[in-house]
Every structure is written in C-alpha cells, then in structure tokens.
Amino acid sequence: MMKLVRIVCLAALCADGVFAGTISLQPSATALTLGNPLTVDVNITGVTDLYAFQFDIGFDPAVLSAASVTEGALFSSIGVFFSPGFIDNIGGTITFIGDSLSGPVPGVSTDGTLATITFDTIGVGSSSIDLANIVLLDSNLADITATASGSTVDVASTSVPEPGSLLLLGSYLVLWLGWSAKKKTDTGGA
C-alpha cells in the first residue's frame, strides 16, 4: 500500500511539471550598441485552454526606455480587449499588459506570441527584463500554472573605428612632404 502511495505522489509531481506551460521573453539574451532599438516577444508555450492573461514587465530605466507594447499574434484576431499596459520609464515598469476572450468559448491551446515590446536603448550597461504578476486563466477562469523566464540585454557604447594603418601612414607622409617642401622654399632651396 505504501508503494502505491509513493507511485501516485511521484506521478502527481511529474504530471505537474509536464503540463505546466512556460511564458518567456525572446530573445532571452542580446547585445546591442547604444541607440539601437530592442524588440522583445512575450511567448507562451505548453498551455491549454488559455482564455485570458495579464503580466507586468520590469527593466532598468537607466539602460532601456519602453517605447511601445503591441498585441501578439496569438490573440490578435480573437481577443476582445487588449491592454498595452501603462509604461513607467522612470520606475522601469510596464504594468497591466493583458488580453481576454469573451463569452462561452474555449481558450487557445496553441503556442504563440502574447505581446511584443519595443525598447529604446538609452544608456550603457546591462539590464534584465523580467516578467512579474503573471495571471493566466482558462475558460473556467481557473489559474493556469506556468514557469516564467526573462531576458537580459547588454548595451555597449557606439564606438568610432580607428583609422586604418595605411590611412594614418599616408596622412603622415603628406604632412611630412608638405613640411619638407615648405622648409626648402624658406631656406632658398638648399
């Protein structure tokens, strides 16, 4: 009997991990130079009967500035109400991003993009981009469990390339020849 209880408990633990979905930010990591925009997709995988969702985003406002939030393809043709949320570039948050279906219909059971967020890079450094306050609901308005994974971005300063060696050498030769010619005319050609 004890062996049966252990098997049932083990199966329940494994089933919970197998059926839990994932909400993630893509790309998961990237490197950019200052001034280039960053586009991040909020993707969902492995969930069934997704009827509504809501989440917040956190980021470093010294490195990134949120520019826009748009509805992803997963709910774009069937969602009733998309909320792009409220952007706070001083605090580094975007709150209440969400979408919902309406009426007695089944939820979505395919993987896809919930929202797309565009950031401007405004400072040099590294910023994590994190998901928070995630709410996923099925068509019975019951919670759907999912693991979350964020993203990181490294922003480097724009670099001015050094002149090539031949260009530098050529410039030196032109200056030297000009100086030599001026010296000859000043001393009477001798």
N, C-alpha and C. Protein backbone atom coordinates (compact mmCIF):
# COMPACT_ATOMS: atom_id res chain seq x y z
N MET A 1 0.82 -1.19 0.00
CA MET A 1 0.00 0.00 0.00
C MET A 1 0.87 1.26 0.00
N MET A 2 1.94 1.24 0.79
CA MET A 2 2.84 2.38 0.87
C MET A 2 3.51 2.63 -0.48
N LYS A 3 3.82 1.55 -1.20
CA LYS A 3 4.44 1.67 -2.51
C LYS A 3 3.48 2.35 -3.49
N LEU A 4 2.21 2.03 -3.43
CA LEU A 4 1.20 2.63 -4.29
C LEU A 4 1.08 4.13 -4.01
N VAL A 5 1.13 4.53 -2.74
CA VAL A 5 1.05 5.94 -2.37
C VAL A 5 2.25 6.70 -2.94
N ARG A 6 3.43 6.09 -2.86
CA ARG A 6 4.63 6.73 -3.40
C ARG A 6 4.52 6.90 -4.92
N ILE A 7 4.03 5.90 -5.60
CA ILE A 7 3.89 5.98 -7.06
C ILE A 7 2.90 7.06 -7.45
N VAL A 8 1.78 7.14 -6.74
CA VAL A 8 0.78 8.17 -7.03
C VAL A 8 1.36 9.56 -6.77
N CYS A 9 2.07 9.74 -5.68
CA CYS A 9 2.68 11.04 -5.38
C CYS A 9 3.72 11.41 -6.43
N LEU A 10 4.54 10.46 -6.84
CA LEU A 10 5.55 10.70 -7.86
C LEU A 10 4.90 11.07 -9.19
N ALA A 11 3.85 10.36 -9.54
CA ALA A 11 3.14 10.65 -10.79
C ALA A 11 2.53 12.05 -10.75
N ALA A 12 1.98 12.44 -9.62
CA ALA A 12 1.38 13.77 -9.48
C ALA A 12 2.45 14.86 -9.61
N LEU A 13 3.61 14.64 -9.00
CA LEU A 13 4.69 15.61 -9.11
C LEU A 13 5.19 15.73 -10.53
N CYS A 14 5.36 14.61 -11.21
CA CYS A 14 5.82 14.63 -12.60
C CYS A 14 4.78 15.25 -13.51
N ALA A 15 3.53 14.93 -13.30
CA ALA A 15 2.47 15.47 -14.15
C ALA A 15 2.40 16.98 -14.02
N ASP A 16 2.59 17.51 -12.82
CA ASP A 16 2.55 18.95 -12.62
C ASP A 16 3.63 19.63 -13.43
N GLY A 17 4.82 19.05 -13.48
CA GLY A 17 5.91 19.63 -14.24
C GLY A 17 5.72 19.47 -15.73
N VAL A 18 5.11 18.38 -16.17
CA VAL A 18 4.93 18.13 -17.59
C VAL A 18 3.86 19.05 -18.17
N PHE A 19 2.77 19.28 -17.47
CA PHE A 19 1.67 20.04 -18.01
C PHE A 19 1.77 21.54 -17.75
N ALA A 20 2.72 21.97 -16.98
CA ALA A 20 2.88 23.40 -16.74
C ALA A 20 3.47 24.03 -17.99
N GLY A 21 2.94 25.17 -18.36
CA GLY A 21 3.44 25.87 -19.54
C GLY A 21 4.59 26.80 -19.18
N THR A 22 5.05 27.52 -20.18
CA THR A 22 6.13 28.48 -20.00
C THR A 22 5.75 29.78 -20.67
N ILE A 23 5.95 30.88 -19.96
CA ILE A 23 5.83 32.21 -20.53
C ILE A 23 7.23 32.79 -20.51
N SER A 24 7.71 33.24 -21.66
CA SER A 24 9.11 33.65 -21.75
C SER A 24 9.28 34.87 -22.64
N LEU A 25 10.40 35.53 -22.44
CA LEU A 25 10.78 36.68 -23.26
C LEU A 25 11.83 36.21 -24.26
N GLN A 26 11.64 36.58 -25.52
CA GLN A 26 12.57 36.21 -26.58
C GLN A 26 12.99 37.45 -27.34
N PRO A 27 14.25 37.66 -27.62
CA PRO A 27 15.35 36.77 -27.32
C PRO A 27 15.65 36.75 -25.83
N SER A 28 16.22 35.64 -25.37
CA SER A 28 16.50 35.50 -23.95
C SER A 28 17.71 36.33 -23.52
N ALA A 29 18.58 36.64 -24.45
CA ALA A 29 19.73 37.50 -24.18
C ALA A 29 20.18 38.12 -25.49
N THR A 30 20.63 39.35 -25.42
CA THR A 30 21.11 40.03 -26.62
C THR A 30 22.08 41.14 -26.25
N ALA A 31 22.88 41.53 -27.22
CA ALA A 31 23.82 42.63 -27.04
C ALA A 31 23.58 43.64 -28.16
N LEU A 32 23.52 44.91 -27.80
CA LEU A 32 23.27 45.99 -28.75
C LEU A 32 24.22 47.15 -28.51
N THR A 33 24.30 48.03 -29.48
CA THR A 33 25.02 49.28 -29.26
C THR A 33 24.00 50.36 -28.93
N LEU A 34 24.44 51.34 -28.19
CA LEU A 34 23.60 52.44 -27.74
C LEU A 34 22.91 53.11 -28.92
N GLY A 35 21.62 53.35 -28.77
CA GLY A 35 20.84 53.99 -29.82
C GLY A 35 20.05 53.04 -30.69
N ASN A 36 20.36 51.75 -30.64
CA ASN A 36 19.60 50.76 -31.42
C ASN A 36 18.39 50.29 -30.64
N PRO A 37 17.25 50.09 -31.32
CA PRO A 37 16.05 49.61 -30.62
C PRO A 37 16.16 48.11 -30.31
N LEU A 38 15.37 47.68 -29.34
CA LEU A 38 15.29 46.27 -28.95
C LEU A 38 13.83 45.86 -28.99
N THR A 39 13.54 44.76 -29.69
CA THR A 39 12.19 44.22 -29.74
C THR A 39 12.18 42.88 -29.02
N VAL A 40 11.26 42.75 -28.06
CA VAL A 40 11.15 41.54 -27.25
C VAL A 40 9.75 40.97 -27.40
N ASP A 41 9.66 39.67 -27.71
CA ASP A 41 8.37 38.98 -27.79
C ASP A 41 8.09 38.28 -26.47
N VAL A 42 6.84 38.35 -26.02
CA VAL A 42 6.39 37.60 -24.86
C VAL A 42 5.67 36.38 -25.40
N ASN A 43 6.29 35.21 -25.25
CA ASN A 43 5.77 33.97 -25.84
C ASN A 43 5.21 33.04 -24.77
N ILE A 44 4.23 32.25 -25.19
CA ILE A 44 3.66 31.24 -24.29
C ILE A 44 3.73 29.89 -25.00
N THR A 45 4.14 28.87 -24.25
CA THR A 45 4.20 27.51 -24.80
C THR A 45 3.66 26.53 -23.77
N GLY A 46 3.10 25.45 -24.27
CA GLY A 46 2.72 24.33 -23.41
C GLY A 46 1.50 24.54 -22.53
N VAL A 47 0.62 25.48 -22.86
CA VAL A 47 -0.61 25.65 -22.08
C VAL A 47 -1.80 25.29 -22.94
N THR A 48 -2.86 24.86 -22.28
CA THR A 48 -4.10 24.56 -22.99
C THR A 48 -5.22 25.40 -22.40
N ASP A 49 -6.16 25.76 -23.26
CA ASP A 49 -7.37 26.48 -22.85
C ASP A 49 -7.06 27.86 -22.26
N LEU A 50 -6.10 28.59 -22.85
CA LEU A 50 -5.76 29.94 -22.38
C LEU A 50 -6.86 30.90 -22.81
N TYR A 51 -7.55 31.47 -21.84
CA TYR A 51 -8.69 32.35 -22.09
C TYR A 51 -8.36 33.82 -21.83
N ALA A 52 -7.49 34.07 -20.88
CA ALA A 52 -7.11 35.45 -20.55
C ALA A 52 -5.72 35.44 -19.92
N PHE A 53 -5.03 36.57 -20.07
CA PHE A 53 -3.71 36.70 -19.44
C PHE A 53 -3.48 38.14 -19.02
N GLN A 54 -2.56 38.28 -18.06
CA GLN A 54 -2.10 39.59 -17.60
C GLN A 54 -0.71 39.39 -17.04
N PHE A 55 0.18 40.38 -17.27
CA PHE A 55 1.52 40.33 -16.69
C PHE A 55 2.10 41.73 -16.67
N ASP A 56 3.17 41.89 -15.91
CA ASP A 56 3.92 43.13 -15.83
C ASP A 56 5.35 42.85 -16.32
N ILE A 57 6.03 43.91 -16.71
CA ILE A 57 7.42 43.83 -17.15
C ILE A 57 8.25 44.80 -16.31
N GLY A 58 9.44 44.35 -15.91
CA GLY A 58 10.38 45.21 -15.19
C GLY A 58 11.69 45.30 -15.95
N PHE A 59 12.33 46.48 -15.93
CA PHE A 59 13.58 46.69 -16.64
C PHE A 59 14.36 47.83 -15.97
N ASP A 60 15.63 47.98 -16.34
CA ASP A 60 16.47 49.04 -15.78
C ASP A 60 16.26 50.32 -16.59
N PRO A 61 15.65 51.35 -15.99
CA PRO A 61 15.37 52.58 -16.74
C PRO A 61 16.60 53.43 -17.05
N ALA A 62 17.76 53.07 -16.51
CA ALA A 62 18.99 53.77 -16.86
C ALA A 62 19.56 53.23 -18.18
N VAL A 63 19.12 52.04 -18.59
CA VAL A 63 19.63 51.40 -19.80
C VAL A 63 18.57 51.36 -20.91
N LEU A 64 17.32 51.11 -20.53
CA LEU A 64 16.23 50.95 -21.50
C LEU A 64 15.09 51.93 -21.24
N SER A 65 14.39 52.27 -22.31
CA SER A 65 13.18 53.08 -22.22
C SER A 65 12.12 52.38 -23.06
N ALA A 66 11.02 51.99 -22.45
CA ALA A 66 9.95 51.30 -23.18
C ALA A 66 9.29 52.28 -24.14
N ALA A 67 9.14 51.87 -25.39
CA ALA A 67 8.55 52.74 -26.41
C ALA A 67 7.13 52.33 -26.75
N SER A 68 6.87 51.01 -26.85
CA SER A 68 5.52 50.57 -27.22
C SER A 68 5.29 49.12 -26.83
N VAL A 69 4.01 48.78 -26.69
CA VAL A 69 3.57 47.41 -26.45
C VAL A 69 2.45 47.14 -27.45
N THR A 70 2.60 46.07 -28.23
CA THR A 70 1.57 45.72 -29.20
C THR A 70 1.08 44.30 -28.96
N GLU A 71 -0.13 44.03 -29.41
CA GLU A 71 -0.74 42.73 -29.24
C GLU A 71 -0.02 41.70 -30.10
N GLY A 72 0.22 40.53 -29.52
CA GLY A 72 0.84 39.44 -30.26
C GLY A 72 -0.16 38.72 -31.15
N ALA A 73 0.35 37.87 -32.01
CA ALA A 73 -0.48 37.18 -32.99
C ALA A 73 -1.44 36.16 -32.37
N LEU A 74 -1.13 35.63 -31.17
CA LEU A 74 -1.94 34.55 -30.60
C LEU A 74 -3.38 34.98 -30.36
N PHE A 75 -3.61 36.18 -29.84
CA PHE A 75 -4.95 36.65 -29.54
C PHE A 75 -5.43 37.74 -30.51
N SER A 76 -4.61 38.15 -31.47
CA SER A 76 -4.92 39.35 -32.26
C SER A 76 -6.23 39.26 -33.04
N SER A 77 -6.59 38.10 -33.53
CA SER A 77 -7.83 38.01 -34.31
C SER A 77 -9.03 37.58 -33.47
N ILE A 78 -8.79 37.12 -32.25
CA ILE A 78 -9.91 36.61 -31.44
C ILE A 78 -10.05 37.29 -30.09
N GLY A 79 -9.04 38.05 -29.68
CA GLY A 79 -9.10 38.72 -28.39
C GLY A 79 -10.12 39.84 -28.39
N VAL A 80 -10.81 40.02 -27.30
CA VAL A 80 -11.84 41.05 -27.19
C VAL A 80 -11.23 42.38 -26.75
N PHE A 81 -10.30 42.30 -25.82
CA PHE A 81 -9.77 43.53 -25.25
C PHE A 81 -8.29 43.34 -24.99
N PHE A 82 -7.47 44.10 -25.71
CA PHE A 82 -6.03 44.08 -25.46
C PHE A 82 -5.66 45.35 -24.70
N SER A 83 -4.93 45.18 -23.62
CA SER A 83 -4.42 46.32 -22.85
C SER A 83 -2.91 46.37 -23.01
N PRO A 84 -2.38 47.45 -23.63
CA PRO A 84 -0.92 47.56 -23.75
C PRO A 84 -0.25 47.92 -22.43
N GLY A 85 -1.05 48.11 -21.40
CA GLY A 85 -0.49 48.42 -20.09
C GLY A 85 -0.11 49.88 -19.94
N PHE A 86 0.56 50.16 -18.84
CA PHE A 86 0.99 51.51 -18.50
C PHE A 86 2.51 51.52 -18.40
N ILE A 87 3.14 52.32 -19.25
CA ILE A 87 4.59 52.41 -19.29
C ILE A 87 5.06 53.45 -18.28
N ASP A 88 6.00 53.05 -17.42
CA ASP A 88 6.63 53.96 -16.46
C ASP A 88 8.14 53.87 -16.67
N ASN A 89 8.68 54.76 -17.49
CA ASN A 89 10.11 54.72 -17.79
C ASN A 89 10.97 55.30 -16.68
N ILE A 90 10.38 55.94 -15.70
CA ILE A 90 11.15 56.41 -14.55
C ILE A 90 11.35 55.25 -13.57
N GLY A 91 10.29 54.48 -13.32
CA GLY A 91 10.39 53.34 -12.42
C GLY A 91 10.86 52.06 -13.08
N GLY A 92 10.86 52.01 -14.42
CA GLY A 92 11.29 50.81 -15.13
C GLY A 92 10.26 49.70 -15.10
N THR A 93 8.98 50.04 -15.32
CA THR A 93 7.94 49.02 -15.33
C THR A 93 6.93 49.27 -16.45
N ILE A 94 6.33 48.21 -16.87
CA ILE A 94 5.13 48.26 -17.71
C ILE A 94 4.12 47.38 -16.98
N THR A 95 3.01 47.94 -16.53
CA THR A 95 2.05 47.18 -15.72
C THR A 95 0.75 46.96 -16.49
N PHE A 96 0.09 45.88 -16.14
CA PHE A 96 -1.25 45.52 -16.63
C PHE A 96 -1.33 45.28 -18.14
N ILE A 97 -0.33 44.60 -18.70
CA ILE A 97 -0.43 44.14 -20.09
C ILE A 97 -1.36 42.93 -20.06
N GLY A 98 -2.40 42.91 -20.89
CA GLY A 98 -3.31 41.79 -20.84
C GLY A 98 -4.22 41.68 -22.05
N ASP A 99 -4.90 40.56 -22.14
CA ASP A 99 -5.87 40.31 -23.20
C ASP A 99 -6.85 39.26 -22.71
N SER A 100 -8.02 39.22 -23.33
CA SER A 100 -9.05 38.27 -22.89
C SER A 100 -9.96 37.91 -24.04
N LEU A 101 -10.48 36.71 -23.98
CA LEU A 101 -11.57 36.30 -24.85
C LEU A 101 -12.87 36.66 -24.15
N SER A 102 -14.00 36.43 -24.82
CA SER A 102 -15.28 36.77 -24.20
C SER A 102 -16.31 35.69 -24.55
N GLY A 103 -17.20 35.45 -23.62
CA GLY A 103 -18.29 34.51 -23.86
C GLY A 103 -17.89 33.07 -23.60
N PRO A 104 -18.85 32.18 -23.81
CA PRO A 104 -18.62 30.75 -23.54
C PRO A 104 -17.89 30.06 -24.69
N VAL A 105 -16.63 30.40 -24.84
CA VAL A 105 -15.81 29.79 -25.88
C VAL A 105 -14.60 29.13 -25.23
N PRO A 106 -14.05 28.12 -25.89
CA PRO A 106 -12.83 27.52 -25.32
C PRO A 106 -11.65 28.46 -25.50
N GLY A 107 -10.67 28.27 -24.64
CA GLY A 107 -9.46 29.07 -24.74
C GLY A 107 -8.54 28.56 -25.83
N VAL A 108 -7.43 29.25 -26.01
CA VAL A 108 -6.44 28.93 -27.03
C VAL A 108 -5.52 27.83 -26.51
N SER A 109 -5.24 26.84 -27.35
CA SER A 109 -4.38 25.73 -26.94
C SER A 109 -3.17 25.58 -27.86
N THR A 110 -2.70 26.67 -28.41
CA THR A 110 -1.51 26.64 -29.26
C THR A 110 -0.46 27.59 -28.69
N ASP A 111 0.78 27.34 -29.05
CA ASP A 111 1.88 28.20 -28.64
C ASP A 111 1.86 29.47 -29.49
N GLY A 112 2.35 30.57 -28.93
CA GLY A 112 2.40 31.79 -29.72
C GLY A 112 2.88 32.99 -28.94
N THR A 113 2.77 34.14 -29.59
CA THR A 113 3.22 35.41 -29.02
C THR A 113 2.04 36.16 -28.43
N LEU A 114 2.15 36.52 -27.14
CA LEU A 114 1.10 37.27 -26.45
C LEU A 114 1.22 38.77 -26.71
N ALA A 115 2.44 39.28 -26.72
CA ALA A 115 2.67 40.72 -26.91
C ALA A 115 4.09 40.92 -27.41
N THR A 116 4.31 42.07 -28.02
CA THR A 116 5.64 42.48 -28.47
C THR A 116 5.94 43.84 -27.86
N ILE A 117 7.12 43.95 -27.27
CA ILE A 117 7.51 45.18 -26.59
C ILE A 117 8.75 45.74 -27.28
N THR A 118 8.71 47.03 -27.57
CA THR A 118 9.85 47.70 -28.18
C THR A 118 10.47 48.66 -27.16
N PHE A 119 11.78 48.55 -27.01
CA PHE A 119 12.55 49.41 -26.12
C PHE A 119 13.53 50.24 -26.93
N ASP A 120 13.83 51.43 -26.43
CA ASP A 120 14.95 52.22 -26.93
C ASP A 120 16.10 52.02 -25.96
N THR A 121 17.32 51.91 -26.49
CA THR A 121 18.50 51.82 -25.62
C THR A 121 18.96 53.24 -25.33
N ILE A 122 19.01 53.61 -24.04
CA ILE A 122 19.32 54.99 -23.68
C ILE A 122 20.56 55.12 -22.79
N GLY A 123 21.11 54.00 -22.36
CA GLY A 123 22.29 54.04 -21.50
C GLY A 123 23.14 52.80 -21.70
N VAL A 124 24.39 52.92 -21.35
CA VAL A 124 25.33 51.81 -21.45
C VAL A 124 25.23 50.97 -20.19
N GLY A 125 25.21 49.65 -20.35
CA GLY A 125 25.15 48.75 -19.21
C GLY A 125 24.34 47.52 -19.52
N SER A 126 23.98 46.81 -18.48
CA SER A 126 23.22 45.57 -18.60
C SER A 126 21.88 45.73 -17.89
N SER A 127 20.84 45.19 -18.50
CA SER A 127 19.52 45.24 -17.89
C SER A 127 18.85 43.88 -18.02
N SER A 128 18.29 43.41 -16.92
CA SER A 128 17.42 42.25 -17.03
C SER A 128 16.04 42.79 -17.40
N ILE A 129 15.28 41.98 -18.10
CA ILE A 129 13.89 42.28 -18.40
C ILE A 129 13.10 41.12 -17.81
N ASP A 130 12.27 41.43 -16.84
CA ASP A 130 11.62 40.38 -16.06
C ASP A 130 10.10 40.42 -16.19
N LEU A 131 9.50 39.25 -16.13
CA LEU A 131 8.05 39.10 -16.07
C LEU A 131 7.64 39.05 -14.60
N ALA A 132 6.53 39.70 -14.25
CA ALA A 132 6.04 39.69 -12.87
C ALA A 132 4.52 39.72 -12.88
N ASN A 133 3.92 39.38 -11.75
CA ASN A 133 2.47 39.42 -11.56
C ASN A 133 1.72 38.73 -12.71
N ILE A 134 2.17 37.54 -13.04
CA ILE A 134 1.60 36.80 -14.16
C ILE A 134 0.29 36.14 -13.73
N VAL A 135 -0.74 36.36 -14.54
CA VAL A 135 -2.03 35.71 -14.33
C VAL A 135 -2.43 35.08 -15.66
N LEU A 136 -2.59 33.77 -15.66
CA LEU A 136 -3.07 33.03 -16.83
C LEU A 136 -4.34 32.31 -16.41
N LEU A 137 -5.43 32.49 -17.17
CA LEU A 137 -6.71 31.89 -16.82
C LEU A 137 -7.23 31.03 -17.96
N ASP A 138 -7.89 29.92 -17.59
CA ASP A 138 -8.54 29.09 -18.60
C ASP A 138 -9.98 29.55 -18.80
N SER A 139 -10.75 28.84 -19.62
CA SER A 139 -12.12 29.27 -19.94
C SER A 139 -13.08 29.13 -18.76
N ASN A 140 -12.67 28.44 -17.70
CA ASN A 140 -13.46 28.38 -16.47
C ASN A 140 -12.96 29.41 -15.45
N LEU A 141 -12.05 30.26 -15.89
CA LEU A 141 -11.41 31.29 -15.06
C LEU A 141 -10.59 30.71 -13.90
N ALA A 142 -10.09 29.51 -14.12
CA ALA A 142 -9.18 28.87 -13.16
C ALA A 142 -7.74 29.21 -13.57
N ASP A 143 -6.87 29.30 -12.57
CA ASP A 143 -5.47 29.62 -12.83
C ASP A 143 -4.80 28.52 -13.64
N ILE A 144 -3.93 28.94 -14.55
CA ILE A 144 -3.07 28.02 -15.29
C ILE A 144 -1.65 28.27 -14.77
N THR A 145 -0.98 27.19 -14.38
CA THR A 145 0.39 27.35 -13.87
C THR A 145 1.37 27.39 -15.04
N ALA A 146 2.37 28.23 -14.88
CA ALA A 146 3.41 28.35 -15.90
C ALA A 146 4.68 28.87 -15.25
N THR A 147 5.79 28.44 -15.78
CA THR A 147 7.07 28.98 -15.33
C THR A 147 7.40 30.19 -16.20
N ALA A 148 8.16 31.11 -15.65
CA ALA A 148 8.50 32.34 -16.37
C ALA A 148 10.00 32.43 -16.55
N SER A 149 10.40 32.94 -17.71
CA SER A 149 11.82 33.22 -17.92
C SER A 149 11.94 34.56 -18.63
N GLY A 150 12.84 35.37 -18.10
CA GLY A 150 13.03 36.72 -18.60
C GLY A 150 14.13 36.80 -19.64
N SER A 151 14.68 37.99 -19.78
CA SER A 151 15.69 38.26 -20.78
C SER A 151 16.73 39.20 -20.20
N THR A 152 17.88 39.25 -20.83
CA THR A 152 18.89 40.24 -20.46
C THR A 152 19.40 40.91 -21.73
N VAL A 153 19.77 42.17 -21.58
CA VAL A 153 20.34 42.91 -22.70
C VAL A 153 21.58 43.64 -22.21
N ASP A 154 22.63 43.59 -23.02
CA ASP A 154 23.85 44.33 -22.75
C ASP A 154 23.97 45.41 -23.81
N VAL A 155 24.07 46.65 -23.35
CA VAL A 155 24.16 47.79 -24.26
C VAL A 155 25.57 48.38 -24.16
N ALA A 156 26.25 48.43 -25.29
CA ALA A 156 27.61 48.97 -25.35
C ALA A 156 27.55 50.35 -26.01
N SER A 157 28.54 51.17 -25.71
CA SER A 157 28.59 52.49 -26.34
C SER A 157 28.93 52.33 -27.81
N THR A 158 28.49 53.29 -28.59
CA THR A 158 28.85 53.26 -30.00
C THR A 158 30.32 53.60 -30.12
N SER A 159 31.02 52.83 -30.89
CA SER A 159 32.46 53.05 -31.00
C SER A 159 32.79 53.66 -32.35
N VAL A 160 33.74 54.57 -32.34
CA VAL A 160 34.22 55.16 -33.57
C VAL A 160 35.42 54.33 -34.00
N PRO A 161 35.38 53.78 -35.19
CA PRO A 161 36.51 52.93 -35.61
C PRO A 161 37.79 53.76 -35.78
N GLU A 162 38.90 53.15 -35.42
CA GLU A 162 40.19 53.81 -35.59
C GLU A 162 40.53 53.85 -37.07
N PRO A 163 41.23 54.91 -37.49
CA PRO A 163 41.62 54.96 -38.90
C PRO A 163 42.55 53.80 -39.21
N GLY A 164 42.50 53.33 -40.42
CA GLY A 164 43.36 52.23 -40.84
C GLY A 164 44.83 52.65 -40.83
N SER A 165 45.70 51.69 -40.71
CA SER A 165 47.14 51.97 -40.64
C SER A 165 47.64 52.68 -41.89
N LEU A 166 47.18 52.25 -43.07
CA LEU A 166 47.65 52.88 -44.30
C LEU A 166 47.17 54.32 -44.39
N LEU A 167 45.94 54.58 -43.97
CA LEU A 167 45.42 55.95 -43.99
C LEU A 167 46.24 56.84 -43.06
N LEU A 168 46.55 56.34 -41.89
CA LEU A 168 47.34 57.09 -40.94
C LEU A 168 48.75 57.35 -41.49
N LEU A 169 49.36 56.33 -42.06
CA LEU A 169 50.70 56.47 -42.64
C LEU A 169 50.67 57.44 -43.81
N GLY A 170 49.67 57.35 -44.67
CA GLY A 170 49.54 58.26 -45.81
C GLY A 170 49.39 59.70 -45.37
N SER A 171 48.58 59.93 -44.32
CA SER A 171 48.41 61.29 -43.80
C SER A 171 49.74 61.83 -43.28
N TYR A 172 50.50 61.01 -42.61
CA TYR A 172 51.80 61.42 -42.08
C TYR A 172 52.74 61.80 -43.22
N LEU A 173 52.77 60.98 -44.29
CA LEU A 173 53.65 61.25 -45.42
C LEU A 173 53.28 62.56 -46.12
N VAL A 174 51.98 62.82 -46.28
CA VAL A 174 51.55 64.07 -46.90
C VAL A 174 51.99 65.25 -46.05
N LEU A 175 51.80 65.18 -44.77
CA LEU A 175 52.23 66.26 -43.88
C LEU A 175 53.75 66.44 -43.92
N TRP A 176 54.49 65.36 -43.91
CA TRP A 176 55.94 65.43 -43.92
C TRP A 176 56.46 66.03 -45.23
N LEU A 177 55.86 65.59 -46.36
CA LEU A 177 56.27 66.14 -47.65
C LEU A 177 55.95 67.62 -47.74
N GLY A 178 54.78 68.01 -47.22
CA GLY A 178 54.41 69.43 -47.21
C GLY A 178 55.36 70.24 -46.35
N TRP A 179 55.72 69.70 -45.22
CA TRP A 179 56.66 70.40 -44.33
C TRP A 179 58.03 70.50 -44.99
N SER A 180 58.49 69.43 -45.65
CA SER A 180 59.80 69.43 -46.32
C SER A 180 59.82 70.45 -47.45
N ALA A 181 58.74 70.52 -48.24
CA ALA A 181 58.69 71.46 -49.35
C ALA A 181 58.69 72.88 -48.82
N LYS A 182 57.98 73.15 -47.73
CA LYS A 182 57.94 74.50 -47.15
C LYS A 182 59.32 74.87 -46.62
N LYS A 183 60.01 73.91 -46.01
CA LYS A 183 61.33 74.18 -45.45
C LYS A 183 62.31 74.52 -46.57
N LYS A 184 62.24 73.84 -47.74
CA LYS A 184 63.12 74.11 -48.87
C LYS A 184 62.88 75.49 -49.42
N THR A 185 61.62 75.92 -49.50
CA THR A 185 61.34 77.27 -50.04
C THR A 185 61.76 78.33 -49.06
N ASP A 186 61.68 78.07 -47.79
CA ASP A 186 62.07 79.06 -46.77
C ASP A 186 63.58 79.23 -46.73
N THR A 187 64.34 78.18 -47.04
CA THR A 187 65.80 78.25 -46.97
C THR A 187 66.41 78.49 -48.34
N GLY A 188 65.59 78.78 -49.33
CA GLY A 188 66.10 79.09 -50.66
C GLY A 188 66.45 77.86 -51.46
N GLY A 189 65.84 76.75 -51.19
CA GLY A 189 66.04 75.54 -51.97
C GLY A 189 67.27 74.77 -51.59
N ALA A 190 68.00 75.16 -50.57
CA ALA A 190 69.20 74.45 -50.22
C ALA A 190 69.00 73.48 -49.13
